[in-house]
Amino acid sequence: MAKVEWQALESNPDAINPFMEKIGVTSVKCVDIISFDDDVLEHLPKPQFAMLLCLPDYKKVDALMAPIYEKLRSECVTPPAN
């Protein structure tokens, strides 16, 4: 079986939006979030459905998030249903 590799995607709506359209997601658009301050967030287009975080080093993120995920599992927290 061929090895599957993910292509890096630039953290830029001008790159992400065409990719989303290519995979069939046509009813939403990505925008940059430059701050999490309330006065900035209130100007984002509505509704918002999700946030994409582009993290440069997944191994560091995995190490950082492992205890958080383990705590959630120990508390029997499950992802919400659709």
N, C-alpha and C. Protein backbone atom coordinates (compact mmCIF):
# COMPACT_ATOMS: atom_id res chain seq x y z
N MET A 1 0.85 -1.18 0.00
CA MET A 1 0.00 0.00 0.00
C MET A 1 0.89 1.24 0.00
N ALA A 2 0.53 2.25 -0.76
CA ALA A 2 1.31 3.48 -0.85
C ALA A 2 1.23 4.26 0.45
N LYS A 3 2.32 4.88 0.81
CA LYS A 3 2.36 5.70 2.01
C LYS A 3 1.57 6.99 1.75
N VAL A 4 0.69 7.33 2.68
CA VAL A 4 -0.10 8.55 2.56
C VAL A 4 0.63 9.67 3.27
N GLU A 5 0.82 10.78 2.59
CA GLU A 5 1.47 11.93 3.20
C GLU A 5 0.57 13.14 3.06
N TRP A 6 0.54 13.95 4.10
CA TRP A 6 -0.24 15.18 4.09
C TRP A 6 0.62 16.31 3.54
N GLN A 7 0.06 17.09 2.68
CA GLN A 7 0.76 18.25 2.16
C GLN A 7 0.55 19.41 3.13
N ALA A 8 1.64 20.11 3.43
CA ALA A 8 1.54 21.27 4.30
C ALA A 8 0.65 22.32 3.64
N LEU A 9 -0.17 22.96 4.43
CA LEU A 9 -1.07 23.98 3.92
C LEU A 9 -0.73 25.30 4.60
N GLU A 10 -0.49 26.30 3.81
CA GLU A 10 -0.15 27.61 4.33
C GLU A 10 -1.27 28.14 5.22
N SER A 11 -0.90 28.78 6.30
CA SER A 11 -1.87 29.37 7.22
C SER A 11 -2.33 30.71 6.67
N ASN A 12 -3.16 30.65 5.65
CA ASN A 12 -3.57 31.85 4.95
C ASN A 12 -4.91 31.57 4.27
N PRO A 13 -5.93 32.38 4.55
CA PRO A 13 -7.22 32.14 3.91
C PRO A 13 -7.15 32.10 2.38
N ASP A 14 -6.23 32.86 1.79
CA ASP A 14 -6.10 32.84 0.33
C ASP A 14 -5.63 31.48 -0.19
N ALA A 15 -5.00 30.69 0.66
CA ALA A 15 -4.59 29.33 0.29
C ALA A 15 -5.62 28.30 0.75
N ILE A 16 -6.19 28.51 1.93
CA ILE A 16 -7.11 27.53 2.51
C ILE A 16 -8.45 27.52 1.79
N ASN A 17 -9.00 28.69 1.45
CA ASN A 17 -10.31 28.74 0.79
C ASN A 17 -10.35 27.98 -0.53
N PRO A 18 -9.37 28.16 -1.43
CA PRO A 18 -9.39 27.35 -2.67
C PRO A 18 -9.27 25.84 -2.39
N PHE A 19 -8.49 25.48 -1.37
CA PHE A 19 -8.37 24.06 -1.01
C PHE A 19 -9.71 23.53 -0.52
N MET A 20 -10.39 24.31 0.33
CA MET A 20 -11.70 23.89 0.84
C MET A 20 -12.68 23.68 -0.32
N GLU A 21 -12.68 24.60 -1.27
CA GLU A 21 -13.57 24.46 -2.43
C GLU A 21 -13.22 23.21 -3.24
N LYS A 22 -11.92 22.94 -3.36
CA LYS A 22 -11.46 21.78 -4.13
C LYS A 22 -11.97 20.47 -3.52
N ILE A 23 -12.09 20.43 -2.18
CA ILE A 23 -12.56 19.20 -1.54
C ILE A 23 -14.07 19.21 -1.31
N GLY A 24 -14.75 20.22 -1.88
CA GLY A 24 -16.21 20.22 -1.86
C GLY A 24 -16.87 21.09 -0.81
N VAL A 25 -16.10 21.83 -0.03
CA VAL A 25 -16.68 22.71 0.99
C VAL A 25 -16.85 24.09 0.35
N THR A 26 -18.08 24.40 -0.04
CA THR A 26 -18.30 25.64 -0.80
C THR A 26 -19.16 26.66 -0.06
N SER A 27 -19.76 26.29 1.04
CA SER A 27 -20.70 27.21 1.70
C SER A 27 -20.08 27.97 2.87
N VAL A 28 -18.77 27.82 3.10
CA VAL A 28 -18.10 28.55 4.17
C VAL A 28 -16.80 29.13 3.64
N LYS A 29 -16.30 30.14 4.34
CA LYS A 29 -15.02 30.76 3.99
C LYS A 29 -14.19 30.91 5.26
N CYS A 30 -12.89 30.78 5.11
CA CYS A 30 -11.96 30.99 6.21
C CYS A 30 -11.51 32.45 6.23
N VAL A 31 -11.33 32.99 7.43
CA VAL A 31 -10.80 34.34 7.61
C VAL A 31 -9.72 34.28 8.67
N ASP A 32 -8.82 35.25 8.64
CA ASP A 32 -7.79 35.34 9.68
C ASP A 32 -8.39 35.86 10.97
N ILE A 33 -7.94 35.29 12.08
CA ILE A 33 -8.27 35.81 13.41
C ILE A 33 -6.98 36.40 13.95
N ILE A 34 -6.93 37.72 14.07
CA ILE A 34 -5.68 38.36 14.47
C ILE A 34 -5.57 38.54 15.98
N SER A 35 -6.67 38.31 16.71
CA SER A 35 -6.65 38.46 18.15
C SER A 35 -7.87 37.76 18.72
N PHE A 36 -7.79 37.38 19.98
CA PHE A 36 -8.94 36.80 20.66
C PHE A 36 -9.62 37.82 21.58
N ASP A 37 -9.26 39.09 21.42
CA ASP A 37 -9.93 40.14 22.18
C ASP A 37 -11.38 40.26 21.72
N ASP A 38 -12.27 40.50 22.66
CA ASP A 38 -13.70 40.58 22.34
C ASP A 38 -14.00 41.60 21.25
N ASP A 39 -13.34 42.76 21.31
CA ASP A 39 -13.64 43.80 20.32
C ASP A 39 -13.20 43.41 18.91
N VAL A 40 -12.24 42.49 18.81
CA VAL A 40 -11.82 41.99 17.49
C VAL A 40 -12.75 40.86 17.05
N LEU A 41 -13.07 39.95 17.96
CA LEU A 41 -13.92 38.80 17.62
C LEU A 41 -15.32 39.22 17.18
N GLU A 42 -15.83 40.32 17.73
CA GLU A 42 -17.19 40.72 17.36
C GLU A 42 -17.30 41.16 15.90
N HIS A 43 -16.17 41.42 15.25
CA HIS A 43 -16.20 41.83 13.84
C HIS A 43 -16.02 40.67 12.86
N LEU A 44 -15.86 39.47 13.38
CA LEU A 44 -15.74 38.31 12.48
C LEU A 44 -17.09 38.02 11.82
N PRO A 45 -17.06 37.54 10.58
CA PRO A 45 -18.33 37.18 9.92
C PRO A 45 -19.07 36.11 10.74
N LYS A 46 -20.38 36.20 10.73
CA LYS A 46 -21.20 35.24 11.46
C LYS A 46 -22.08 34.49 10.48
N PRO A 47 -22.44 33.26 10.77
CA PRO A 47 -22.03 32.48 11.93
C PRO A 47 -20.62 31.91 11.75
N GLN A 48 -20.00 31.58 12.88
CA GLN A 48 -18.72 30.88 12.84
C GLN A 48 -18.98 29.42 13.17
N PHE A 49 -18.35 28.54 12.40
CA PHE A 49 -18.57 27.10 12.59
C PHE A 49 -17.38 26.40 13.23
N ALA A 50 -16.19 26.91 13.00
CA ALA A 50 -14.99 26.22 13.50
C ALA A 50 -13.81 27.17 13.47
N MET A 51 -12.73 26.71 14.11
CA MET A 51 -11.48 27.45 14.06
C MET A 51 -10.38 26.46 13.72
N LEU A 52 -9.59 26.79 12.72
CA LEU A 52 -8.44 25.96 12.35
C LEU A 52 -7.21 26.52 13.01
N LEU A 53 -6.50 25.68 13.73
CA LEU A 53 -5.23 26.09 14.32
C LEU A 53 -4.12 25.44 13.51
N CYS A 54 -3.23 26.25 12.98
CA CYS A 54 -2.09 25.75 12.22
C CYS A 54 -0.88 25.75 13.15
N LEU A 55 -0.48 24.58 13.57
CA LEU A 55 0.60 24.45 14.53
C LEU A 55 1.83 23.87 13.85
N PRO A 56 2.99 24.50 14.04
CA PRO A 56 4.18 24.10 13.29
C PRO A 56 4.81 22.78 13.71
N ASP A 57 4.67 22.38 14.96
CA ASP A 57 5.36 21.17 15.42
C ASP A 57 4.38 20.28 16.18
N TYR A 58 3.76 19.34 15.45
CA TYR A 58 2.72 18.52 16.06
C TYR A 58 3.23 17.66 17.22
N LYS A 59 4.51 17.28 17.21
CA LYS A 59 5.03 16.46 18.31
C LYS A 59 5.03 17.24 19.62
N LYS A 60 5.38 18.52 19.56
CA LYS A 60 5.33 19.34 20.76
C LYS A 60 3.89 19.54 21.22
N VAL A 61 3.00 19.73 20.27
CA VAL A 61 1.59 19.90 20.61
C VAL A 61 1.04 18.62 21.21
N ASP A 62 1.38 17.46 20.63
CA ASP A 62 0.94 16.18 21.19
C ASP A 62 1.41 16.03 22.63
N ALA A 63 2.67 16.37 22.89
CA ALA A 63 3.22 16.26 24.25
C ALA A 63 2.50 17.22 25.20
N LEU A 64 2.21 18.41 24.73
CA LEU A 64 1.52 19.40 25.55
C LEU A 64 0.08 18.99 25.84
N MET A 65 -0.60 18.43 24.85
CA MET A 65 -2.02 18.10 24.99
C MET A 65 -2.27 16.74 25.62
N ALA A 66 -1.29 15.85 25.64
CA ALA A 66 -1.48 14.48 26.15
C ALA A 66 -2.10 14.47 27.55
N PRO A 67 -1.58 15.23 28.52
CA PRO A 67 -2.20 15.18 29.85
C PRO A 67 -3.64 15.72 29.86
N ILE A 68 -3.92 16.68 29.01
CA ILE A 68 -5.28 17.23 28.94
C ILE A 68 -6.23 16.18 28.38
N TYR A 69 -5.82 15.52 27.29
CA TYR A 69 -6.66 14.47 26.71
C TYR A 69 -6.85 13.32 27.69
N GLU A 70 -5.80 12.95 28.40
CA GLU A 70 -5.89 11.86 29.37
C GLU A 70 -6.87 12.21 30.49
N LYS A 71 -6.81 13.45 30.97
CA LYS A 71 -7.75 13.89 32.01
C LYS A 71 -9.19 13.81 31.48
N LEU A 72 -9.41 14.26 30.27
CA LEU A 72 -10.76 14.19 29.69
C LEU A 72 -11.23 12.74 29.57
N ARG A 73 -10.33 11.84 29.12
CA ARG A 73 -10.70 10.42 29.03
C ARG A 73 -11.02 9.85 30.40
N SER A 74 -10.23 10.22 31.42
CA SER A 74 -10.47 9.69 32.77
C SER A 74 -11.79 10.17 33.34
N GLU A 75 -12.25 11.33 32.85
CA GLU A 75 -13.54 11.87 33.29
C GLU A 75 -14.69 11.42 32.37
N CYS A 76 -14.37 10.51 31.45
CA CYS A 76 -15.36 9.96 30.51
C CYS A 76 -16.01 11.05 29.65
N VAL A 77 -15.26 12.09 29.34
CA VAL A 77 -15.76 13.14 28.45
C VAL A 77 -15.67 12.63 27.02
N THR A 78 -16.74 12.79 26.27
CA THR A 78 -16.76 12.35 24.88
C THR A 78 -17.07 13.54 23.98
N PRO A 79 -16.65 13.47 22.73
CA PRO A 79 -16.98 14.56 21.80
C PRO A 79 -18.49 14.67 21.64
N PRO A 80 -18.99 15.88 21.40
CA PRO A 80 -20.44 16.04 21.21
C PRO A 80 -20.92 15.34 19.95
N ALA A 81 -22.15 14.88 19.99
CA ALA A 81 -22.76 14.25 18.81
C ALA A 81 -23.10 15.34 17.81
N ASN A 82 -23.22 14.94 16.54
CA ASN A 82 -23.60 15.93 15.52
C ASN A 82 -24.91 16.49 15.90
